Protein backbone atom coordinates (compact mmCIF):
# COMPACT_ATOMS: atom_id res chain seq x y z
CA MET A 1 0.00 0.00 0.00
CA PHE A 2 2.81 2.43 0.90
CA ALA A 3 4.57 1.66 -2.38
CA LEU A 4 1.41 2.40 -4.35
CA VAL A 5 0.96 5.71 -2.54
CA ALA A 6 4.62 6.58 -3.20
CA VAL A 7 4.42 5.80 -6.92
CA VAL A 8 1.07 7.53 -7.44
CA GLY A 9 2.11 10.57 -5.39
CA MET A 10 5.35 10.96 -7.31
CA ALA A 11 3.56 10.56 -10.65
CA VAL A 12 0.98 13.20 -9.67
CA MET A 13 3.67 15.65 -8.55
CA LEU A 14 5.60 15.21 -11.80
CA ALA A 15 2.46 15.54 -13.91
CA LEU A 16 1.34 18.70 -12.13
CA PHE A 17 4.67 20.46 -11.89
CA TRP A 18 6.73 19.31 -14.90
CA ASP A 19 6.01 22.51 -16.86
CA ASP A 20 6.92 24.61 -13.82
CA SER A 21 10.17 22.69 -13.48
CA GLU A 22 11.02 23.29 -17.13
CA ALA A 23 10.33 27.03 -16.77
CA ALA A 24 12.38 27.17 -13.56
CA SER A 25 15.35 25.68 -15.40
CA GLY A 26 15.49 28.69 -17.73
CA PRO A 27 18.51 30.95 -18.04
CA SER A 28 19.38 33.89 -15.81
CA GLU A 29 19.72 37.27 -17.50
CA VAL A 30 21.80 40.30 -16.53
CA GLY A 31 21.32 43.83 -17.83
CA ASP A 32 21.26 47.48 -16.93
CA ALA A 33 18.35 48.59 -14.74
CA ARG A 34 17.61 51.75 -16.75
CA SER A 35 18.00 50.44 -20.31
CA GLY A 36 16.40 47.13 -19.32
CA VAL A 37 17.14 43.45 -18.99
CA SER A 38 16.09 41.32 -21.96
CA VAL A 39 14.50 38.22 -20.50
CA GLU A 40 12.28 35.41 -21.80
CA LEU A 41 9.17 35.41 -19.60
CA THR A 42 6.39 32.85 -19.21
CA GLU A 43 3.08 34.30 -18.09
CA GLY A 44 2.16 33.38 -14.53
CA ARG A 45 5.62 32.07 -13.64
CA GLY A 46 7.70 33.58 -10.86
CA TYR A 47 11.08 35.26 -11.19
CA PHE A 48 13.64 36.51 -8.67
CA LEU A 49 15.21 39.95 -9.01
CA TYR A 50 18.69 40.81 -7.72
CA VAL A 51 20.78 44.00 -7.66
CA ARG A 52 24.50 44.44 -7.11
CA ASP A 53 25.70 44.48 -3.52
CA GLY A 54 25.52 48.05 -2.26
CA ALA A 55 22.97 49.17 -4.88
CA SER A 56 19.63 50.60 -3.82
CA THR A 57 16.40 48.62 -3.93
CA PRO A 58 14.25 49.37 -7.00
CA ARG A 59 11.28 51.69 -6.42
CA SER A 60 9.28 50.36 -9.35
CA CYS A 61 9.72 47.99 -12.26
CA THR A 62 8.06 47.82 -15.66
CA VAL A 63 7.96 45.06 -18.24
CA ARG A 64 7.68 45.83 -21.97
CA VAL A 65 6.76 43.36 -24.71
CA GLY A 66 6.62 44.97 -28.12
CA ASP A 67 4.63 48.21 -27.78
CA ALA A 68 2.76 47.11 -24.65
CA SER A 69 4.12 47.74 -21.19
CA GLY A 70 2.90 47.49 -17.64
CA PRO A 71 4.06 47.66 -14.04
CA VAL A 72 5.46 44.66 -12.22
CA ARG A 73 4.71 44.30 -8.51
CA LEU A 74 7.71 43.13 -6.48
CA THR A 75 6.90 40.83 -3.57
CA THR A 76 8.84 38.54 -1.25
CA LYS A 77 7.00 35.41 -2.39
CA ASN A 78 9.29 32.36 -2.14
CA SER A 79 12.12 34.55 -0.88
CA TRP A 80 13.20 31.65 1.36
CA ALA A 81 14.27 29.81 -1.81
CA GLU A 82 16.29 32.58 -3.46
CA SER A 83 19.76 31.52 -4.46
CA ASP A 84 23.04 33.17 -3.56
CA HIS A 85 24.65 34.91 -6.51
CA GLN A 86 28.17 36.27 -6.29
CA SER A 87 28.11 40.05 -5.61
CA TYR A 88 24.30 40.29 -5.98
CA ARG A 89 21.59 40.58 -3.33
CA TYR A 90 17.94 39.56 -3.55
CA VAL A 91 15.44 42.44 -3.70
CA GLY A 92 12.16 40.81 -4.68
CA SER A 93 10.10 38.37 -6.67
CA PHE A 94 7.59 39.03 -9.40
CA GLU A 95 5.09 37.10 -11.46
CA ALA A 96 5.37 37.51 -15.23
CA PRO A 97 2.30 39.31 -16.57
CA VAL A 98 3.03 38.23 -20.17
CA SER A 99 4.84 35.56 -22.16
CA GLY A 100 7.62 36.17 -24.64
CA GLN A 101 10.82 38.13 -25.00
CA ALA A 102 10.45 41.12 -22.68
CA LYS A 103 12.47 44.04 -21.41
CA LEU A 104 12.40 44.62 -17.64
CA THR A 105 13.34 48.11 -16.45
CA CYS A 106 13.51 49.31 -12.86
CA GLY A 107 13.66 52.83 -11.48
CA GLY A 108 15.73 53.95 -8.54
CA VAL A 109 18.59 51.55 -9.24
CA SER A 110 21.88 52.24 -10.91
CA GLY A 111 23.85 49.33 -12.25
CA PRO A 112 22.97 45.86 -13.38
CA LEU A 113 19.98 43.72 -12.51
CA LEU A 114 19.97 39.93 -12.41
CA VAL A 115 16.71 38.13 -13.23
CA THR A 116 16.43 34.39 -12.55
CA PRO A 117 13.46 32.04 -12.80
CA ASP A 118 11.89 31.10 -9.46
CA ASP A 119 13.18 27.56 -8.97
CA THR A 120 11.24 26.87 -5.77
CA ILE A 121 9.44 24.06 -7.59
CA HIS A 122 12.68 22.06 -7.56
CA ALA A 123 12.57 22.09 -3.75
CA TYR A 124 8.99 20.81 -3.81
CA LEU A 125 9.83 18.08 -6.31
CA GLY A 126 12.89 17.10 -4.28
CA LEU A 127 10.76 16.90 -1.16
CA SER A 128 8.23 14.71 -2.98
CA VAL A 129 11.05 12.36 -4.07
CA LEU A 130 12.21 12.08 -0.45
CA VAL A 131 8.66 11.34 0.72
CA ALA A 132 8.26 8.73 -2.05
CA VAL A 133 11.52 7.05 -1.02
CA LEU A 134 10.44 7.10 2.64
CA LEU A 135 7.10 5.51 1.74
CA GLY A 136 8.92 2.91 -0.37
CA VAL A 137 11.17 2.01 2.58
CA LEU A 138 8.10 1.77 4.82
CA ALA A 139 6.49 -0.55 2.26
CA ILE A 140 9.54 -2.82 2.30
CA LEU A 141 9.64 -2.86 6.11
CA ALA A 142 5.90 -3.62 6.30
CA PHE A 143 6.31 -6.47 3.80
CA VAL A 144 9.18 -8.02 5.79
CA PHE A 145 7.26 -7.55 9.05
CA LEU A 146 4.20 -9.34 7.61
CA LEU A 147 6.32 -12.23 6.28
CA VAL A 148 7.97 -12.76 9.66
CA ARG A 149 4.69 -12.47 11.53
CA ARG A 150 2.89 -14.93 9.25
CA GLY A 151 5.78 -17.39 9.53
CA ASN A 152 5.64 -17.19 13.32
CA ALA A 153 1.85 -17.64 13.28
CA ARG A 154 2.15 -20.77 11.11
CA ARG A 155 4.76 -22.27 13.43
CA ALA A 156 2.62 -21.47 16.47
CA SER A 157 -0.50 -23.04 14.94
CA ALA A 158 1.44 -26.13 13.82
CA SER A 159 2.85 -26.71 17.31
CA ALA A 160 -0.56 -26.13 18.94
CA SER A 161 -2.27 -28.83 16.83
CA VAL A 162 0.07 -31.63 17.98
CA PRO A 163 -1.72 -33.51 20.80
CA GLY A 164 0.06 -33.91 24.07
CA PRO A 165 0.57 -37.27 25.86
CA TYR A 166 -2.85 -37.09 27.54
CA PRO A 167 -5.42 -35.95 24.94
CA TYR A 168 -8.55 -35.80 27.16
């Protein structure tokens, strides 16, 4: 039973989050905050934003795709999973409002920006693998326990059915 739960649970996690995992494996992009960072965005996916150490935190950011542009709201969603990048510090997360090649510009920052896909999904998939392995180990232990217990029960019933010297 544990093995079935492990296999089904892992299959469900992979089916639900495979696209997210592919998007999270995308490239990081670096560019100037004022002229903009060219980045490939996927609508609804999360991205982490970093600035150089010592640089100010952006006041506002805008994304432009073609002639259309709109504001991007920076949050701290999934900030616990942000990665360390040499000489950069995390300043926020945002959700892509559009898909396609976009230009992200931020005001109030001088210097380069680093944009990386939110790879938090890899932590969730890794956790689901660990849970699946744990359930698999529990299934093996339960199987061995049942075999030993049934063997002991058979021996006990076989020895109980042998009549003693005075069968009255």
